[in-house]
Structures are given as C-alpha cells and as structure tokens.
Amino acid sequence: MAPDAEVNLGLGWRGADGQRFQSTIVRVPPGEWPTWTRLQIAALPPEGAIDVGLGLTIENQSAADWAEVREFTLEAFE
C-alpha cells in the first residue's frame, strides 16, 4: 500500500432495538506486507449490545495498490 493509504479494522455494535453503539476501530500500520499477516482486534461490548459486526476499510488506495484478505472470524472470550 502507498504511504497515504489507510487500512482500518473495526468492530461495530448494535442493540436489540437496532441502536448503533460507538465502534472500536484500529488503524493497521502502513507499509508493505509481503507475507500473510494475522490482524486481531479485541473489545468488550457496550452494555445492551446484542450484535457485533467486523469490518475492514481501505481508503486512499492508489491504482497500483492491491490488498488480499481472507478468513474473517469472530471469537468470544470469557
């Protein structure tokens, strides 16, 4: 990725009535990633959250940039 590209990994929370809570987002460090790398994010759900979504956003990607992602998973820990 070009130095001005921005890649973010995030968790979005939702309540029973569809209310959206503040998301947890981390920026992936910029640079070249020549091998597969596992990215992880962890957060406690806000009170009242019943659903969570996982997202990856890429912004300011140049024409020569490319990204390949696979195997999104969610795990619950107690």
N, C-alpha and C. Protein backbone atom coordinates (compact mmCIF):
# COMPACT_ATOMS: atom_id res chain seq x y z
N MET A 1 0.83 -1.19 0.00
CA MET A 1 0.00 0.00 0.00
C MET A 1 0.88 1.25 0.00
N ALA A 2 0.40 2.24 -0.67
CA ALA A 2 1.10 3.52 -0.70
C ALA A 2 1.09 4.14 0.70
N PRO A 3 2.07 5.00 1.00
CA PRO A 3 2.14 5.59 2.35
C PRO A 3 0.90 6.37 2.77
N ASP A 4 0.15 6.92 1.82
CA ASP A 4 -1.05 7.68 2.19
C ASP A 4 -2.31 6.82 2.25
N ALA A 5 -2.19 5.53 1.94
CA ALA A 5 -3.34 4.63 2.06
C ALA A 5 -3.63 4.38 3.54
N GLU A 6 -4.88 4.18 3.87
CA GLU A 6 -5.28 3.94 5.25
C GLU A 6 -6.13 2.68 5.31
N VAL A 7 -5.73 1.74 6.15
CA VAL A 7 -6.45 0.49 6.33
C VAL A 7 -6.90 0.42 7.79
N ASN A 8 -8.19 0.20 8.00
CA ASN A 8 -8.75 0.13 9.35
C ASN A 8 -9.50 -1.17 9.56
N LEU A 9 -9.36 -1.71 10.75
CA LEU A 9 -10.08 -2.91 11.16
C LEU A 9 -11.00 -2.48 12.29
N GLY A 10 -12.27 -2.87 12.23
CA GLY A 10 -13.21 -2.38 13.23
C GLY A 10 -14.28 -3.36 13.63
N LEU A 11 -14.82 -3.11 14.82
CA LEU A 11 -15.98 -3.84 15.36
C LEU A 11 -17.10 -2.83 15.55
N GLY A 12 -18.29 -3.16 15.07
CA GLY A 12 -19.45 -2.29 15.26
C GLY A 12 -20.51 -3.03 16.07
N TRP A 13 -21.08 -2.35 17.03
CA TRP A 13 -22.04 -2.97 17.97
C TRP A 13 -23.43 -2.44 17.72
N ARG A 14 -24.45 -3.30 17.96
CA ARG A 14 -25.84 -2.91 17.77
C ARG A 14 -26.68 -3.48 18.90
N GLY A 15 -27.68 -2.71 19.34
CA GLY A 15 -28.59 -3.14 20.40
C GLY A 15 -29.83 -3.81 19.84
N ALA A 16 -30.68 -4.33 20.73
CA ALA A 16 -31.89 -5.06 20.34
C ALA A 16 -32.84 -4.20 19.50
N ASP A 17 -32.87 -2.91 19.75
CA ASP A 17 -33.78 -2.03 19.02
C ASP A 17 -33.14 -1.47 17.75
N GLY A 18 -31.98 -1.98 17.37
CA GLY A 18 -31.28 -1.51 16.18
C GLY A 18 -30.35 -0.34 16.44
N GLN A 19 -30.34 0.13 17.69
CA GLN A 19 -29.46 1.25 18.06
C GLN A 19 -28.00 0.86 17.82
N ARG A 20 -27.27 1.77 17.20
CA ARG A 20 -25.84 1.53 16.96
C ARG A 20 -25.03 2.18 18.08
N PHE A 21 -24.04 1.44 18.55
CA PHE A 21 -23.15 1.95 19.58
C PHE A 21 -21.84 2.38 18.93
N GLN A 22 -21.01 3.08 19.69
CA GLN A 22 -19.72 3.51 19.18
C GLN A 22 -18.89 2.30 18.75
N SER A 23 -18.26 2.41 17.60
CA SER A 23 -17.44 1.32 17.07
C SER A 23 -16.04 1.34 17.69
N THR A 24 -15.39 0.19 17.66
CA THR A 24 -13.99 0.07 18.05
C THR A 24 -13.21 -0.09 16.76
N ILE A 25 -12.30 0.84 16.48
CA ILE A 25 -11.56 0.83 15.22
C ILE A 25 -10.07 0.99 15.51
N VAL A 26 -9.25 0.19 14.83
CA VAL A 26 -7.80 0.34 14.91
C VAL A 26 -7.25 0.50 13.51
N ARG A 27 -6.23 1.35 13.39
CA ARG A 27 -5.58 1.54 12.09
C ARG A 27 -4.44 0.54 11.96
N VAL A 28 -4.39 -0.12 10.83
CA VAL A 28 -3.32 -1.07 10.53
C VAL A 28 -2.08 -0.25 10.17
N PRO A 29 -0.92 -0.58 10.74
CA PRO A 29 0.29 0.18 10.41
C PRO A 29 0.55 0.18 8.90
N PRO A 30 0.91 1.35 8.33
CA PRO A 30 1.14 1.42 6.89
C PRO A 30 2.41 0.69 6.48
N GLY A 31 2.51 0.39 5.20
CA GLY A 31 3.71 -0.24 4.68
C GLY A 31 3.41 -1.47 3.86
N GLU A 32 4.46 -2.09 3.40
CA GLU A 32 4.35 -3.31 2.61
C GLU A 32 4.25 -4.51 3.54
N TRP A 33 3.38 -5.43 3.20
CA TRP A 33 3.17 -6.66 3.97
C TRP A 33 3.38 -7.82 3.00
N PRO A 34 4.62 -8.26 2.80
CA PRO A 34 4.91 -9.26 1.76
C PRO A 34 4.42 -10.67 2.07
N THR A 35 4.09 -10.96 3.32
CA THR A 35 3.59 -12.29 3.67
C THR A 35 2.24 -12.14 4.36
N TRP A 36 1.50 -13.25 4.44
CA TRP A 36 0.21 -13.23 5.15
C TRP A 36 0.46 -12.84 6.59
N THR A 37 -0.37 -11.97 7.11
CA THR A 37 -0.26 -11.48 8.48
C THR A 37 -1.62 -11.56 9.14
N ARG A 38 -1.65 -12.06 10.36
CA ARG A 38 -2.92 -12.14 11.11
C ARG A 38 -3.14 -10.81 11.83
N LEU A 39 -4.30 -10.20 11.58
CA LEU A 39 -4.69 -8.97 12.26
C LEU A 39 -5.75 -9.32 13.29
N GLN A 40 -5.62 -8.76 14.48
CA GLN A 40 -6.59 -9.04 15.54
C GLN A 40 -7.02 -7.74 16.20
N ILE A 41 -8.26 -7.74 16.64
CA ILE A 41 -8.82 -6.63 17.40
C ILE A 41 -9.67 -7.23 18.51
N ALA A 42 -9.63 -6.64 19.68
CA ALA A 42 -10.41 -7.15 20.81
C ALA A 42 -11.09 -5.97 21.50
N ALA A 43 -12.30 -6.21 21.96
CA ALA A 43 -13.05 -5.16 22.66
C ALA A 43 -14.17 -5.80 23.46
N LEU A 44 -14.53 -5.14 24.55
CA LEU A 44 -15.69 -5.56 25.33
C LEU A 44 -16.92 -4.88 24.75
N PRO A 45 -18.02 -5.61 24.63
CA PRO A 45 -19.23 -4.98 24.08
C PRO A 45 -19.80 -3.96 25.06
N PRO A 46 -20.38 -2.88 24.53
CA PRO A 46 -21.06 -1.93 25.40
C PRO A 46 -22.32 -2.57 26.00
N GLU A 47 -22.74 -2.07 27.12
CA GLU A 47 -23.94 -2.59 27.77
C GLU A 47 -25.14 -2.45 26.83
N GLY A 48 -25.89 -3.51 26.65
CA GLY A 48 -27.06 -3.51 25.79
C GLY A 48 -26.80 -3.99 24.38
N ALA A 49 -25.55 -4.24 24.03
CA ALA A 49 -25.22 -4.72 22.68
C ALA A 49 -25.59 -6.19 22.55
N ILE A 50 -26.22 -6.54 21.43
CA ILE A 50 -26.58 -7.94 21.19
C ILE A 50 -25.95 -8.49 19.91
N ASP A 51 -25.49 -7.59 19.02
CA ASP A 51 -24.88 -8.00 17.76
C ASP A 51 -23.55 -7.27 17.59
N VAL A 52 -22.65 -7.91 16.86
CA VAL A 52 -21.38 -7.27 16.52
C VAL A 52 -21.09 -7.56 15.04
N GLY A 53 -20.49 -6.60 14.39
CA GLY A 53 -20.07 -6.76 13.01
C GLY A 53 -18.59 -6.46 12.89
N LEU A 54 -17.93 -7.13 11.98
CA LEU A 54 -16.49 -6.95 11.75
C LEU A 54 -16.31 -6.31 10.39
N GLY A 55 -15.47 -5.30 10.31
CA GLY A 55 -15.27 -4.63 9.03
C GLY A 55 -13.83 -4.25 8.77
N LEU A 56 -13.50 -4.17 7.51
CA LEU A 56 -12.18 -3.74 7.06
C LEU A 56 -12.41 -2.66 6.02
N THR A 57 -11.80 -1.50 6.21
CA THR A 57 -11.93 -0.43 5.23
C THR A 57 -10.55 -0.05 4.70
N ILE A 58 -10.50 0.28 3.43
CA ILE A 58 -9.27 0.73 2.79
C ILE A 58 -9.60 2.05 2.11
N GLU A 59 -8.85 3.10 2.46
CA GLU A 59 -9.09 4.43 1.90
C GLU A 59 -7.81 4.95 1.26
N ASN A 60 -7.94 5.83 0.31
CA ASN A 60 -6.83 6.46 -0.39
C ASN A 60 -5.94 5.44 -1.11
N GLN A 61 -6.53 4.40 -1.60
CA GLN A 61 -5.78 3.36 -2.30
C GLN A 61 -5.44 3.87 -3.71
N SER A 62 -4.17 3.75 -4.09
CA SER A 62 -3.76 4.19 -5.42
C SER A 62 -4.02 3.07 -6.43
N ALA A 63 -3.92 3.40 -7.70
CA ALA A 63 -4.20 2.43 -8.76
C ALA A 63 -3.26 1.23 -8.72
N ALA A 64 -2.03 1.41 -8.24
CA ALA A 64 -1.05 0.33 -8.21
C ALA A 64 -1.17 -0.54 -6.95
N ASP A 65 -1.92 -0.08 -5.96
CA ASP A 65 -2.07 -0.82 -4.70
C ASP A 65 -3.03 -1.99 -4.87
N TRP A 66 -2.84 -3.00 -4.06
CA TRP A 66 -3.79 -4.11 -4.01
C TRP A 66 -3.78 -4.68 -2.61
N ALA A 67 -4.86 -5.31 -2.25
CA ALA A 67 -4.97 -5.95 -0.94
C ALA A 67 -5.72 -7.26 -1.14
N GLU A 68 -5.32 -8.26 -0.39
CA GLU A 68 -5.99 -9.56 -0.43
C GLU A 68 -6.27 -9.95 1.01
N VAL A 69 -7.52 -10.27 1.31
CA VAL A 69 -7.90 -10.64 2.68
C VAL A 69 -8.66 -11.96 2.65
N ARG A 70 -8.59 -12.69 3.75
CA ARG A 70 -9.31 -13.95 3.82
C ARG A 70 -9.52 -14.33 5.28
N GLU A 71 -10.43 -15.27 5.48
CA GLU A 71 -10.67 -15.91 6.77
C GLU A 71 -11.01 -14.94 7.90
N PHE A 72 -12.07 -14.18 7.72
CA PHE A 72 -12.58 -13.36 8.81
C PHE A 72 -13.26 -14.27 9.83
N THR A 73 -12.95 -14.12 11.11
CA THR A 73 -13.59 -14.90 12.15
C THR A 73 -13.86 -14.01 13.36
N LEU A 74 -14.88 -14.37 14.11
CA LEU A 74 -15.19 -13.73 15.39
C LEU A 74 -15.14 -14.79 16.47
N GLU A 75 -14.51 -14.47 17.59
CA GLU A 75 -14.44 -15.40 18.70
C GLU A 75 -14.85 -14.69 19.98
N ALA A 76 -15.57 -15.38 20.84
CA ALA A 76 -15.97 -14.82 22.13
C ALA A 76 -15.09 -15.41 23.23
N PHE A 77 -14.63 -14.55 24.10
CA PHE A 77 -13.80 -14.99 25.22
C PHE A 77 -14.49 -14.58 26.52
N GLU A 78 -14.32 -15.38 27.52
CA GLU A 78 -14.92 -15.07 28.82
C GLU A 78 -13.86 -14.94 29.88
